[in-house]
Amino acid sequence: MNKNLYRIGWRLPVLLVLLLLAALVVRVPAVYGGPSDEPGPVVYFGSGGQESVSGSLHALEFAGDLYLVDVGSFIGGDGRNYPWPAEVDPAALRGVFITHAHADHLGRLPLLLHEGYRGPIYMSRVTYAIARLTLPANLQYADLGPERFYYSRHNQGRERIPVHLEGSEGGAASVQPANRVYFSASRPELSARGYYLARPVREKLAADLLERIAEQVVIVDPGQVLELASAGLRASFIATSHIPGSVMVRFDYQGFTVLFSGDVGGDSSPLLPANPRLEQPIDILFLEGTYAYGQRADLARERERFRREVAELVTAGKRVVIPAFVLDRSQQVMFEISRAIGEGRLPPAQTVRVCSPAARQLLRLYADMAADYRRDRTLAAYFSPAMAGADFLPPGYIARCSGDRPANPLGLEPGEIGIMSSGMADYAAARQALLDYLEDPQTVFYFVGYQAPGSLGGRLTATPPPASLRIGDQQRRVRAEIRQTAAFASHADPAEMLRIFAGTTPERIFLVHLDKDRGPGLAARYRQELGAEVIIPRPGQRYRLR
């Protein structure tokens, strides 16, 4: 027998088998990547907002492609804002979606950018406008971990020392190298150690941040559908009534639907569109649980009562201090004061001092958005028709809080109104107002939001009220009048959530942004009323959604 034929003879069957196996391998559907007859897996895990109210950071993997919903900061003892979560690789991210501009949903964005993320950041048009103000304003407090700072040795011994960031252009001209004293700290530690970022540094950091987000932000209006880089994945926004620009995020992936509620408003603001009533079925619902119990008063009536009472107090010659959060709450309060002026309850030139630079910037932004709404309705998806008549800069508005008398450094006089951050009076002008006016019977502190039990506002609004209040190392008798209203409630209660989502018939509900102790009761209610499996996810744990 021919030896060559022999060699071919035994090899031919082997070659045929190998070719057959190769053909089979080619025909196996891809699990990750392009189009396939088999749907790709969907996995969820979180690094904030699980078993806690703040720190919203939710990760979704669609067939291995990683996306984030929110990059929020933790508040109080909910968690640490640094370091960046190890389980979320910035280099692997395909996109980041932002539901709204509150810090507990957006505050870790500077850290993510610092970690090298260069991909798209999807947010609504109004959220972007707000973020361009709030992110730079808070950048000096952003925790990016230990950084190297320096100051001039000539400033040693001062009560507060301006410092420069090594490598920034801000300090190069003002502090000669021979005069520099170096140290390491995180930005949140600076104030406690008697330092603050010098103005040139703040301005340079803000300009760099604004340039960076301008490059990466992709504006998405409610109803617009995004075709994402991952095959078969689409995303869209649904407007909610939490704050201007707030949205839900819906993902549609190969016939599978995931909806993140974000923060859902309680339909309390006349300026925002009413919450939707969703009817399209979804598979997975991520639902906020900030308000675990029913809390509903007639919010329109509560707002009318607020206007009436503030007018009565001013007419009686009272000094009215309104502690309010910088973003949206201060602007909502000013809107109601302007309504009281329009109703004739307050004089046209009623003095209203706003004691926060950031709140004043946002008032101007809201006024600009109202003008845009009146002009061409480009913002119709974000606001109700009431925005057309909204006045955020009434004639008596004063953009400063300072006085000539040492006994009254904020300058707020009887018969005047002061809108002061912070909302729970723990910081800034509202805390100073407690020191200055809490012992004055002619002053009224009118709280317009939730007050955490341990905060200064929470202690003042407790039942029974305290006879005195310790503020840092100082004690004050409580002689001022204390009032509180729920008129500005910004979260939907469970009954409102059921009205919004009852038609969606989800298979599973993940409860996020909730007090851990209240979760089981809320889960039981939704399980009974919506007939869905309800899960309270744990931080870092991976959940296979499909």
Foldseek 3Di string as FASTA:
>chain_A
DDVVVVVCVVVVVVVVVVVVVVVVVVPDFDQAAADGPDAHFKKKFAFFQFLAQFQGWIWIAGSRQIEIEFGADDDDPRDDLPDDDPVDQLVRHQEYEFQAQDRRRHVSVVLSVVSPRQAAYEFAPVRVVLCLQPNLVCVLQRFNDKFKKKFFQVCPPDQATAIEGPPFPQCPVPHDPVRIDMDIDTSNCRVVVRYGHDPSRSVRVSVVVVVRNVNHYDHAHAPDWDDGPGYQKIKGWAAAQQAFRGTKIWIAHPNAIEIEGGFHFAPLAQWWDHFAADFAAHAEYAAECAALADDDDPLVVLLVVVLLVVLVLLVVQFQEEEAAALPRGLQRVLQSVVVSCVVVSHPQQAAEEEADPSSVVVLVVLVVVLVVCLPPNPVVSRTDPVSVVTDSQGNNYDHAQADDDPLRGRNGGGSHYYYYDDLQQLDDPSVVCCVRPQQPQRYEYEHEDDHPCPGNSNQCPDVPHDQWDDRPPDIGGRNYHYHYTPSSGSGHYPVVVCSRCLNHLYQEYEYGSYNSVSPVVSQVVCCVRSVHHYHSDDHPDMDTSD
